[in-house]
C-alpha atoms as a PDB file:
ATOM      1  CA  UNK A   1      81.093  -4.161  17.347  1.00  0.00           C
ATOM      2  CA  UNK A   2      80.354  -7.953  18.716  1.00  0.00           C
ATOM      3  CA  UNK A   3      77.459  -9.495  20.010  1.00  0.00           C
ATOM      4  CA  UNK A   4      78.393  -9.074  23.317  1.00  0.00           C
ATOM      5  CA  UNK A   5      79.041  -5.413  23.607  1.00  0.00           C
ATOM      6  CA  UNK A   6      76.050  -4.837  21.731  1.00  0.00           C
ATOM      7  CA  UNK A   7      73.977  -6.412  23.797  1.00  0.00           C
ATOM      8  CA  UNK A   8      75.665  -4.376  26.731  1.00  0.00           C
ATOM      9  CA  UNK A   9      74.788  -1.290  24.904  1.00  0.00           C
ATOM     10  CA  UNK A  10      71.457  -1.022  23.265  1.00  0.00           C
ATOM     11  CA  UNK A  11      69.614  -3.859  25.472  1.00  0.00           C
ATOM     12  CA  UNK A  12      70.064  -2.271  28.306  1.00  0.00           C
ATOM     13  CA  UNK A  13      68.006   0.643  27.270  1.00  0.00           C
ATOM     14  CA  UNK A  14      64.899  -1.664  27.536  1.00  0.00           C
ATOM     15  CA  UNK A  15      66.179  -4.578  29.894  1.00  0.00           C
ATOM     16  CA  UNK A  16      66.732  -2.449  32.378  1.00  0.00           C
ATOM     17  CA  UNK A  17      70.176  -2.930  32.872  1.00  0.00           C
ATOM     18  CA  UNK A  18      85.247 -30.026   6.024  1.00  0.00           C
ATOM     19  CA  UNK A  19      82.752 -28.040   8.205  1.00  0.00           C
ATOM     20  CA  UNK A  20      80.533 -30.625  10.428  1.00  0.00           C
ATOM     21  CA  UNK A  21      80.892 -34.397  11.370  1.00  0.00           C
ATOM     22  CA  UNK A  22      79.208 -36.807   9.916  1.00  0.00           C
ATOM     23  CA  UNK A  23      75.193 -38.049  10.528  1.00  0.00           C
ATOM     24  CA  UNK A  24      74.419 -41.975  10.713  1.00  0.00           C
ATOM     25  CA  UNK A  25      71.862 -42.407   8.272  1.00  0.00           C
ATOM     26  CA  UNK A  26      70.752 -45.722   7.764  1.00  0.00           C
ATOM     27  CA  UNK A  27      73.576 -47.502   9.328  1.00  0.00           C
ATOM     28  CA  UNK A  28      75.828 -44.532   6.777  1.00  0.00           C
ATOM     29  CA  UNK A  29      77.365 -41.687   7.628  1.00  0.00           C
ATOM     30  CA  UNK A  30      76.402 -38.877   4.960  1.00  0.00           C
ATOM     31  CA  UNK A  31      78.444 -35.902   4.409  1.00  0.00           C
ATOM     32  CA  UNK A  32      76.555 -32.241   6.107  1.00  0.00           C
ATOM     33  CA  UNK A  33      78.838 -30.301   3.424  1.00  0.00           C
ATOM     34  CA  UNK A  34      76.824 -29.551  -0.503  1.00  0.00           C
ATOM     35  CA  UNK A  35      76.923 -25.752  -1.492  1.00  0.00           C
ATOM     36  CA  UNK A  36      74.237 -24.425  -2.940  1.00  0.00           C
ATOM     37  CA  UNK A  37      72.079 -27.260  -2.899  1.00  0.00           C
ATOM     38  CA  UNK A  38      68.319 -26.488  -3.838  1.00  0.00           C
ATOM     39  CA  UNK A  39      67.383 -30.508  -3.326  1.00  0.00           C
ATOM     40  CA  UNK A  40      63.683 -31.484  -1.919  1.00  0.00           C
ATOM     41  CA  UNK A  41      64.381 -33.603   1.504  1.00  0.00           C
ATOM     42  CA  UNK A  42      62.307 -35.069   4.003  1.00  0.00           C
ATOM     43  CA  UNK A  43      58.807 -34.858   3.330  1.00  0.00           C
ATOM     44  CA  UNK A  44      59.126 -31.861   0.794  1.00  0.00           C
ATOM     45  CA  UNK A  45      57.300 -28.616   2.501  1.00  0.00           C
ATOM     46  CA  UNK A  46      58.790 -25.385   1.278  1.00  0.00           C
ATOM     47  CA  UNK A  47      59.656 -23.015   3.977  1.00  0.00           C
ATOM     48  CA  UNK A  48      56.693 -20.337   4.393  1.00  0.00           C
ATOM     49  CA  UNK A  49      58.256 -18.806   7.666  1.00  0.00           C
ATOM     50  CA  UNK A  50      61.681 -17.714   7.170  1.00  0.00           C
ATOM     51  CA  UNK A  51      63.270 -15.395  10.121  1.00  0.00           C
ATOM     52  CA  UNK A  52      65.574 -12.787  10.605  1.00  0.00           C
ATOM     53  CA  UNK A  53      67.950 -12.183  13.410  1.00  0.00           C
ATOM     54  CA  UNK A  54      68.411  -8.224  13.452  1.00  0.00           C
ATOM     55  CA  UNK A  55      71.929  -8.271  14.879  1.00  0.00           C
ATOM     56  CA  UNK A  56      72.850  -8.860  10.948  1.00  0.00           C
ATOM     57  CA  UNK A  57      71.151  -5.379  10.656  1.00  0.00           C
ATOM     58  CA  UNK A  58      72.148  -3.897  13.293  1.00  0.00           C
ATOM     59  CA  UNK A  59      73.327  -0.322  12.027  1.00  0.00           C
ATOM     60  CA  UNK A  60      70.282  -0.096   9.681  1.00  0.00           C
ATOM     61  CA  UNK A  61      68.487  -0.299  12.694  1.00  0.00           C
ATOM     62  CA  UNK A  62      70.154   2.176  14.492  1.00  0.00           C
ATOM     63  CA  UNK A  63      69.536   4.707  11.796  1.00  0.00           C
ATOM     64  CA  UNK A  64      65.826   3.793  11.775  1.00  0.00           C
ATOM     65  CA  UNK A  65      64.102   1.111  13.312  1.00  0.00           C
ATOM     66  CA  UNK A  66      61.038   2.034  11.493  1.00  0.00           C
ATOM     67  CA  UNK A  67      61.971   1.794   7.775  1.00  0.00           C
ATOM     68  CA  UNK A  68      64.589  -1.187   7.968  1.00  0.00           C
ATOM     69  CA  UNK A  69      61.577  -2.977   9.841  1.00  0.00           C
ATOM     70  CA  UNK A  70      59.267  -2.086   6.876  1.00  0.00           C
ATOM     71  CA  UNK A  71      62.599  -3.328   4.094  1.00  0.00           C
ATOM     72  CA  UNK A  72      62.694  -6.516   6.297  1.00  0.00           C
ATOM     73  CA  UNK A  73      58.721  -7.248   5.733  1.00  0.00           C
ATOM     74  CA  UNK A  74      59.223  -6.238   2.194  1.00  0.00           C
ATOM     75  CA  UNK A  75      61.644  -8.854   1.071  1.00  0.00           C
ATOM     76  CA  UNK A  76      59.308 -11.135   2.652  1.00  0.00           C
ATOM     77  CA  UNK A  77      60.255 -12.189   6.019  1.00  0.00           C
ATOM     78  CA  UNK A  78      57.648 -12.750   8.291  1.00  0.00           C
ATOM     79  CA  UNK A  79      59.575 -13.609  11.499  1.00  0.00           C
ATOM     80  CA  UNK A  80      62.522 -11.247  13.336  1.00  0.00           C
ATOM     81  CA  UNK A  81      64.367 -11.649  16.495  1.00  0.00           C
ATOM     82  CA  UNK A  82      65.758  -9.022  18.215  1.00  0.00           C
ATOM     83  CA  UNK A  83      69.352  -8.428  20.057  1.00  0.00           C
ATOM     84  CA  UNK A  84      68.389  -4.866  21.783  1.00  0.00           C
ATOM     85  CA  UNK A  85      65.264  -2.467  21.202  1.00  0.00           C
ATOM     86  CA  UNK A  86      67.049   1.165  19.982  1.00  0.00           C
ATOM     87  CA  UNK A  87      65.255   3.017  22.835  1.00  0.00           C
ATOM     88  CA  UNK A  88      61.953   2.111  21.791  1.00  0.00           C
ATOM     89  CA  UNK A  89      59.131   0.740  24.469  1.00  0.00           C
ATOM     90  CA  UNK A  90      57.710  -2.479  23.334  1.00  0.00           C
ATOM     91  CA  UNK A  91      54.553  -0.881  22.997  1.00  0.00           C
ATOM     92  CA  UNK A  92      56.329   0.936  19.775  1.00  0.00           C
ATOM     93  CA  UNK A  93      57.795  -2.264  18.997  1.00  0.00           C
ATOM     94  CA  UNK A  94      54.287  -4.088  18.647  1.00  0.00           C
ATOM     95  CA  UNK A  95      53.094  -1.824  16.666  1.00  0.00           C
ATOM     96  CA  UNK A  96      56.000  -1.583  14.334  1.00  0.00           C
ATOM     97  CA  UNK A  97      55.390  -5.341  13.824  1.00  0.00           C
ATOM     98  CA  UNK A  98      52.191  -5.535  13.178  1.00  0.00           C
ATOM     99  CA  UNK A  99      51.951  -3.086  10.647  1.00  0.00           C
ATOM    100  CA  UNK A 100      54.807  -4.705   9.083  1.00  0.00           C
ATOM    101  CA  UNK A 101      53.524  -7.987   9.016  1.00  0.00           C
ATOM    102  CA  UNK A 102      55.589  -9.385  11.136  1.00  0.00           C
ATOM    103  CA  UNK A 103      56.020 -11.031  15.225  1.00  0.00           C
ATOM    104  CA  UNK A 104      58.631 -11.673  17.532  1.00  0.00           C
ATOM    105  CA  UNK A 105      59.222 -15.036  18.690  1.00  0.00           C
ATOM    106  CA  UNK A 106      62.373 -14.135  20.512  1.00  0.00           C
ATOM    107  CA  UNK A 107      64.738 -11.652  21.401  1.00  0.00           C
ATOM    108  CA  UNK A 108      68.442 -11.937  22.997  1.00  0.00           C
ATOM    109  CA  UNK A 109      69.143 -10.601  26.430  1.00  0.00           C
ATOM    110  CA  UNK A 110      72.312 -11.006  28.398  1.00  0.00           C
ATOM    111  CA  UNK A 111      72.862 -13.520  30.923  1.00  0.00           C
ATOM    112  CA  UNK A 112      73.102 -10.591  33.686  1.00  0.00           C
ATOM    113  CA  UNK A 113      69.965  -9.707  32.658  1.00  0.00           C
ATOM    114  CA  UNK A 114      68.969 -13.080  34.632  1.00  0.00           C
ATOM    115  CA  UNK A 115      70.491 -11.492  37.819  1.00  0.00           C
ATOM    116  CA  UNK A 116      68.715  -8.371  37.258  1.00  0.00           C
ATOM    117  CA  UNK A 117      65.608  -6.265  35.281  1.00  0.00           C
ATOM    118  CA  UNK A 118      64.591 -10.327  34.717  1.00  0.00           C
ATOM    119  CA  UNK A 119      60.480  -9.141  35.512  1.00  0.00           C
ATOM    120  CA  UNK A 120      61.112  -6.192  33.720  1.00  0.00           C
ATOM    121  CA  UNK A 121      62.340  -7.951  30.593  1.00  0.00           C
ATOM    122  CA  UNK A 122      59.904 -10.883  30.671  1.00  0.00           C
ATOM    123  CA  UNK A 123      57.313  -8.493  31.025  1.00  0.00           C
ATOM    124  CA  UNK A 124      58.554  -6.518  28.045  1.00  0.00           C
ATOM    125  CA  UNK A 125      58.868  -9.406  26.345  1.00  0.00           C
ATOM    126  CA  UNK A 126      55.324 -10.633  27.222  1.00  0.00           C
ATOM    127  CA  UNK A 127      54.014  -7.361  25.493  1.00  0.00           C
ATOM    128  CA  UNK A 128      55.723  -7.578  22.740  1.00  0.00           C
ATOM    129  CA  UNK A 129      54.429 -11.081  22.168  1.00  0.00           C
ATOM    130  CA  UNK A 130      57.540 -12.866  22.317  1.00  0.00           C
ATOM    131  CA  UNK A 131      57.728 -16.503  23.764  1.00  0.00           C
ATOM    132  CA  UNK A 132      61.235 -16.718  23.927  1.00  0.00           C
ATOM    133  CA  UNK A 133      64.457 -15.499  25.561  1.00  0.00           C
ATOM    134  CA  UNK A 134      67.972 -16.453  24.338  1.00  0.00           C
ATOM    135  CA  UNK A 135      71.033 -15.819  26.574  1.00  0.00           C
ATOM    136  CA  UNK A 136      73.690 -15.677  23.580  1.00  0.00           C
ATOM    137  CA  UNK A 137      77.129 -15.552  25.340  1.00  0.00           C
ATOM    138  CA  UNK A 138      78.892 -17.014  28.252  1.00  0.00           C
ATOM    139  CA  UNK A 139      81.754 -15.051  30.229  1.00  0.00           C
ATOM    140  CA  UNK A 140      84.393 -16.528  30.602  1.00  0.00           C
ATOM    141  CA  UNK A 141      83.563 -16.327  34.303  1.00  0.00           C
ATOM    142  CA  UNK A 142      80.498 -18.499  33.639  1.00  0.00           C
ATOM    143  CA  UNK A 143      82.261 -21.082  31.918  1.00  0.00           C
ATOM    144  CA  UNK A 144      85.631 -21.758  33.362  1.00  0.00           C
ATOM    145  CA  UNK A 145      84.778 -24.572  35.475  1.00  0.00           C
ATOM    146  CA  UNK A 146      82.491 -27.057  36.025  1.00  0.00           C
ATOM    147  CA  UNK A 147      81.214 -25.428  39.117  1.00  0.00           C
ATOM    148  CA  UNK A 148      81.035 -22.221  37.030  1.00  0.00           C
ATOM    149  CA  UNK A 149      79.035 -23.746  34.387  1.00  0.00           C
ATOM    150  CA  UNK A 150      77.157 -25.833  37.037  1.00  0.00           C
ATOM    151  CA  UNK A 151      76.090 -22.345  38.471  1.00  0.00           C
ATOM    152  CA  UNK A 152      75.465 -20.850  35.437  1.00  0.00           C
ATOM    153  CA  UNK A 153      73.148 -23.382  34.454  1.00  0.00           C
ATOM    154  CA  UNK A 154      71.550 -23.088  37.899  1.00  0.00           C
ATOM    155  CA  UNK A 155      70.737 -19.337  37.153  1.00  0.00           C
ATOM    156  CA  UNK A 156      69.410 -20.276  33.900  1.00  0.00           C
ATOM    157  CA  UNK A 157      66.851 -22.699  35.683  1.00  0.00           C
ATOM    158  CA  UNK A 158      65.796 -20.221  38.086  1.00  0.00           C
ATOM    159  CA  UNK A 159      65.399 -17.506  35.325  1.00  0.00           C
ATOM    160  CA  UNK A 160      63.458 -20.540  33.513  1.00  0.00           C
ATOM    161  CA  UNK A 161      60.952 -21.225  36.506  1.00  0.00           C
ATOM    162  CA  UNK A 162      60.101 -17.321  36.655  1.00  0.00           C
ATOM    163  CA  UNK A 163      59.400 -16.713  32.673  1.00  0.00           C
ATOM    164  CA  UNK A 164      56.585 -19.395  33.267  1.00  0.00           C
ATOM    165  CA  UNK A 165      54.086 -16.502  34.699  1.00  0.00           C
ATOM    166  CA  UNK A 166      54.911 -15.096  31.507  1.00  0.00           C
ATOM    167  CA  UNK A 167      54.578 -18.114  29.496  1.00  0.00           C
ATOM    168  CA  UNK A 168      58.013 -17.093  28.143  1.00  0.00           C
ATOM    169  CA  UNK A 169      60.779 -19.982  27.969  1.00  0.00           C
ATOM    170  CA  UNK A 170      64.409 -19.417  27.857  1.00  0.00           C
ATOM    171  CA  UNK A 171      66.805 -20.685  25.625  1.00  0.00           C
ATOM    172  CA  UNK A 172      70.637 -20.434  24.699  1.00  0.00           C
ATOM    173  CA  UNK A 173      72.546 -19.707  21.702  1.00  0.00           C
ATOM    174  CA  UNK A 174      75.846 -21.350  21.049  1.00  0.00           C
ATOM    175  CA  UNK A 175      79.046 -19.974  19.374  1.00  0.00           C
ATOM    176  CA  UNK A 176      82.179 -22.154  19.116  1.00  0.00           C
ATOM    177  CA  UNK A 177      83.740 -22.344  22.572  1.00  0.00           C
ATOM    178  CA  UNK A 178      81.055 -24.074  23.696  1.00  0.00           C
ATOM    179  CA  UNK A 179      82.686 -26.934  22.352  1.00  0.00           C
ATOM    180  CA  UNK A 180      85.649 -27.585  23.618  1.00  0.00           C
ATOM    181  CA  UNK A 181      86.561 -29.385  26.839  1.00  0.00           C
ATOM    182  CA  UNK A 182      86.548 -27.725  30.601  1.00  0.00           C
ATOM    183  CA  UNK A 183      87.930 -30.747  33.374  1.00  0.00           C
ATOM    184  CA  UNK A 184      87.301 -33.512  30.721  1.00  0.00           C
ATOM    185  CA  UNK A 185      83.750 -32.400  29.911  1.00  0.00           C
ATOM    186  CA  UNK A 186      82.366 -30.392  27.203  1.00  0.00           C
ATOM    187  CA  UNK A 187      80.898 -26.962  28.195  1.00  0.00           C
ATOM    188  CA  UNK A 188      77.719 -27.435  25.717  1.00  0.00           C
ATOM    189  CA  UNK A 189      77.066 -30.771  27.141  1.00  0.00           C
ATOM    190  CA  UNK A 190      77.253 -30.042  31.022  1.00  0.00           C
ATOM    191  CA  UNK A 191      74.893 -26.605  30.163  1.00  0.00           C
ATOM    192  CA  UNK A 192      72.262 -29.307  28.655  1.00  0.00           C
ATOM    193  CA  UNK A 193      72.622 -31.648  31.367  1.00  0.00           C
ATOM    194  CA  UNK A 194      72.229 -28.868  34.369  1.00  0.00           C
ATOM    195  CA  UNK A 195      69.482 -27.346  32.990  1.00  0.00           C
ATOM    196  CA  UNK A 196      65.835 -27.994  32.821  1.00  0.00           C
ATOM    197  CA  UNK A 197      65.088 -29.642  29.422  1.00  0.00           C
ATOM    198  CA  UNK A 198      61.449 -28.378  29.830  1.00  0.00           C
ATOM    199  CA  UNK A 199      62.104 -24.726  30.426  1.00  0.00           C
ATOM    200  CA  UNK A 200      65.468 -23.936  29.222  1.00  0.00           C
ATOM    201  CA  UNK A 201      66.191 -24.655  25.544  1.00  0.00           C
ATOM    202  CA  UNK A 202      68.949 -24.414  22.476  1.00  0.00           C
ATOM    203  CA  UNK A 203      68.897 -21.740  19.759  1.00  0.00           C
ATOM    204  CA  UNK A 204      71.345 -23.780  17.499  1.00  0.00           C
ATOM    205  CA  UNK A 205      73.504 -21.980  15.459  1.00  0.00           C
ATOM    206  CA  UNK A 206      74.540 -23.808  12.311  1.00  0.00           C
ATOM    207  CA  UNK A 207      77.131 -21.898  11.366  1.00  0.00           C
ATOM    208  CA  UNK A 208      79.506 -22.008  14.924  1.00  0.00           C
ATOM    209  CA  UNK A 209      78.890 -25.658  15.107  1.00  0.00           C
ATOM    210  CA  UNK A 210      79.996 -26.341  12.121  1.00  0.00           C
ATOM    211  CA  UNK A 211      83.165 -24.277  12.860  1.00  0.00           C
ATOM    212  CA  UNK A 212      83.641 -26.056  16.105  1.00  0.00           C
ATOM    213  CA  UNK A 213      83.787 -29.320  14.041  1.00  0.00           C
ATOM    214  CA  UNK A 214      81.035 -30.646  16.253  1.00  0.00           C
ATOM    215  CA  UNK A 215      77.953 -33.018  14.969  1.00  0.00           C
ATOM    216  CA  UNK A 216      74.842 -31.390  15.020  1.00  0.00           C
ATOM    217  CA  UNK A 217      72.485 -34.622  14.235  1.00  0.00           C
ATOM    218  CA  UNK A 218      74.123 -36.290  17.215  1.00  0.00           C
ATOM    219  CA  UNK A 219      72.772 -33.257  19.759  1.00  0.00           C
ATOM    220  CA  UNK A 220      69.595 -33.882  17.998  1.00  0.00           C
ATOM    221  CA  UNK A 221      69.638 -37.971  18.524  1.00  0.00           C
ATOM    222  CA  UNK A 222      71.001 -37.226  22.618  1.00  0.00           C
ATOM    223  CA  UNK A 223      68.315 -34.267  23.370  1.00  0.00           C
ATOM    224  CA  UNK A 224      65.208 -34.819  20.999  1.00  0.00           C
ATOM    225  CA  UNK A 225      62.971 -31.873  21.287  1.00  0.00           C
ATOM    226  CA  UNK A 226      65.543 -29.582  22.362  1.00  0.00           C
ATOM    227  CA  UNK A 227      66.561 -26.814  19.418  1.00  0.00           C
ATOM    228  CA  UNK A 228      63.035 -24.881  18.827  1.00  0.00           C
ATOM    229  CA  UNK A 229      65.046 -21.939  17.278  1.00  0.00           C
ATOM    230  CA  UNK A 230      68.152 -21.961  14.563  1.00  0.00           C
ATOM    231  CA  UNK A 231      70.173 -19.570  13.261  1.00  0.00           C
ATOM    232  CA  UNK A 232      70.999 -19.997   9.861  1.00  0.00           C
ATOM    233  CA  UNK A 233      73.935 -18.728   8.777  1.00  0.00           C
ATOM    234  CA  UNK A 234      76.463 -19.919   5.785  1.00  0.00           C
ATOM    235  CA  UNK A 235      80.419 -20.994   6.602  1.00  0.00           C
ATOM    236  CA  UNK A 236      82.804 -20.824   3.000  1.00  0.00           C
ATOM    237  CA  UNK A 237      84.785 -23.998   4.813  1.00  0.00           C
ATOM    238  CA  UNK A 238      88.008 -24.293   6.418  1.00  0.00           C
ATOM    239  CA  UNK A 239      90.643 -23.309   6.740  1.00  0.00           C
ATOM    240  CA  UNK A 240      89.156 -19.668   8.238  1.00  0.00           C
ATOM    241  CA  UNK A 241      85.162 -20.820   8.211  1.00  0.00           C
ATOM    242  CA  UNK A 242      84.315 -17.030   6.711  1.00  0.00           C
ATOM    243  CA  UNK A 243      80.833 -16.512   7.201  1.00  0.00           C
ATOM    244  CA  UNK A 244      78.881 -16.032   3.524  1.00  0.00           C
ATOM    245  CA  UNK A 245      75.411 -15.710   2.652  1.00  0.00           C
ATOM    246  CA  UNK A 246      72.635 -18.476   3.447  1.00  0.00           C
ATOM    247  CA  UNK A 247      73.452 -21.266   0.479  1.00  0.00           C
ATOM    248  CA  UNK A 248      76.808 -19.588  -0.917  1.00  0.00           C
ATOM    249  CA  UNK A 249      79.050 -21.973   2.053  1.00  0.00           C
ATOM    250  CA  UNK A 250      79.482 -25.545   2.385  1.00  0.00           C
ATOM    251  CA  UNK A 251      76.710 -26.121   4.976  1.00  0.00           C
ATOM    252  CA  UNK A 252      74.082 -28.471   3.551  1.00  0.00           C
ATOM    253  CA  UNK A 253      70.574 -26.517   5.487  1.00  0.00           C
ATOM    254  CA  UNK A 254      67.970 -29.101   3.505  1.00  0.00           C
ATOM    255  CA  UNK A 255      69.551 -32.149   5.407  1.00  0.00           C
ATOM    256  CA  UNK A 256      69.679 -30.213   8.863  1.00  0.00           C
ATOM    257  CA  UNK A 257      66.225 -29.347   8.557  1.00  0.00           C
ATOM    258  CA  UNK A 258      64.694 -32.551   7.090  1.00  0.00           C
ATOM    259  CA  UNK A 259      65.789 -33.667  10.829  1.00  0.00           C
ATOM    260  CA  UNK A 260      63.410 -30.773  12.346  1.00  0.00           C
ATOM    261  CA  UNK A 261      61.175 -33.108  13.993  1.00  0.00           C
ATOM    262  CA  UNK A 262      63.394 -34.816  15.390  1.00  0.00           C
ATOM    263  CA  UNK A 263      64.984 -31.424  16.441  1.00  0.00           C
ATOM    264  CA  UNK A 264      62.211 -29.908  17.522  1.00  0.00           C
ATOM    265  CA  UNK A 265      62.528 -26.676  14.905  1.00  0.00           C
ATOM    266  CA  UNK A 266      59.992 -24.095  14.861  1.00  0.00           C
ATOM    267  CA  UNK A 267      61.614 -20.975  14.060  1.00  0.00           C
ATOM    268  CA  UNK A 268      64.444 -20.435  11.361  1.00  0.00           C
ATOM    269  CA  UNK A 269      66.133 -16.459  11.972  1.00  0.00           C
ATOM    270  CA  UNK A 270      68.827 -15.927   8.840  1.00  0.00           C
ATOM    271  CA  UNK A 271      72.072 -14.110  10.359  1.00  0.00           C
ATOM    272  CA  UNK A 272      75.358 -12.703   9.255  1.00  0.00           C
ATOM    273  CA  UNK A 273      77.782 -11.533  11.791  1.00  0.00           C
ATOM    274  CA  UNK A 274      79.578  -8.733   9.667  1.00  0.00           C
ATOM    275  CA  UNK A 275      77.995  -9.077   6.269  1.00  0.00           C
ATOM    276  CA  UNK A 276      79.322  -5.882   3.191  1.00  0.00           C
ATOM    277  CA  UNK A 277      76.070  -5.331   2.062  1.00  0.00           C
ATOM    278  CA  UNK A 278      73.726  -5.759   5.502  1.00  0.00           C
ATOM    279  CA  UNK A 279      70.210  -5.514   3.274  1.00  0.00           C
ATOM    280  CA  UNK A 280      71.292  -7.236  -0.211  1.00  0.00           C
ATOM    281  CA  UNK A 281      72.960 -10.347   2.341  1.00  0.00           C
ATOM    282  CA  UNK A 282      69.614 -10.742   3.868  1.00  0.00           C
ATOM    283  CA  UNK A 283      68.031 -10.316   0.892  1.00  0.00           C
ATOM    284  CA  UNK A 284      69.796 -13.227  -0.860  1.00  0.00           C
ATOM    285  CA  UNK A 285      70.040 -15.255   1.886  1.00  0.00           C
ATOM    286  CA  UNK A 286      65.724 -14.941   2.146  1.00  0.00           C
ATOM    287  CA  UNK A 287      65.490 -15.991  -1.412  1.00  0.00           C
ATOM    288  CA  UNK A 288      67.512 -19.527  -1.116  1.00  0.00           C
ATOM    289  CA  UNK A 289      65.715 -20.688   1.942  1.00  0.00           C
ATOM    290  CA  UNK A 290      62.434 -19.467   0.067  1.00  0.00           C
ATOM    291  CA  UNK A 291      63.148 -21.814  -2.533  1.00  0.00           C
ATOM    292  CA  UNK A 292      64.307 -24.450  -0.207  1.00  0.00           C
ATOM    293  CA  UNK A 293      62.367 -27.359   0.097  1.00  0.00           C
ATOM    294  CA  UNK A 294      63.039 -29.981   2.924  1.00  0.00           C
END
């Protein structure tokens, strides 16, 4: 089941409804891909707050939210991002998080949630303690023309304005299709230009921007502080760009995270869409990031 279908079925219960281009450094270009590198970069800050997008272990969550969150905390994760609450009310989710030493800064919600049931969703997120609600996907009709993209951006702006009362911000999570052009303009660029930079931010998926062949550093430079959330998942490289555990692929995360201040990165979520062994996968990715200094 893909993320769009997953949000539509699970999330509605509570909500109410070579890889990357080069980065300019000192007038020279540095390649982004360096598989398995644990080299320090930047200020030498260890990652002490690794997060997990729970979509990675959605089957385990469906079997037992309680047991799965316990295991996530036991591995060492400190933050989780939800993609549906599995029929648990927000109060129960908050209690489970507290019990397992976890926080949930953000959750994924469908674009349709912004059109209906938005205040209930905001209230639930506030009760859980979330500060971000993230739209993870756009249907074709919401992105197939410049006018459609502008209408989507305006919907996000209105929703973000409503969210201010709850001290919550809105974000958009990319795949690779946003880096395609519509009517001669890149979808992602139009979204960023048309949304409020203070209230509508970006959860940058580092796998998908890599697969698209776009340059994250160019976006950091053009829209500084616009990327408070990142999805950390690795690519085995061209031509297939198979997803793999963090540290086993070609993406140089140390180089990206060294630019965290410019980008505004605050939260790092491990994700793998279809791991063969989900719990082993999140354990492997956690251990790599825990050892990484940036």
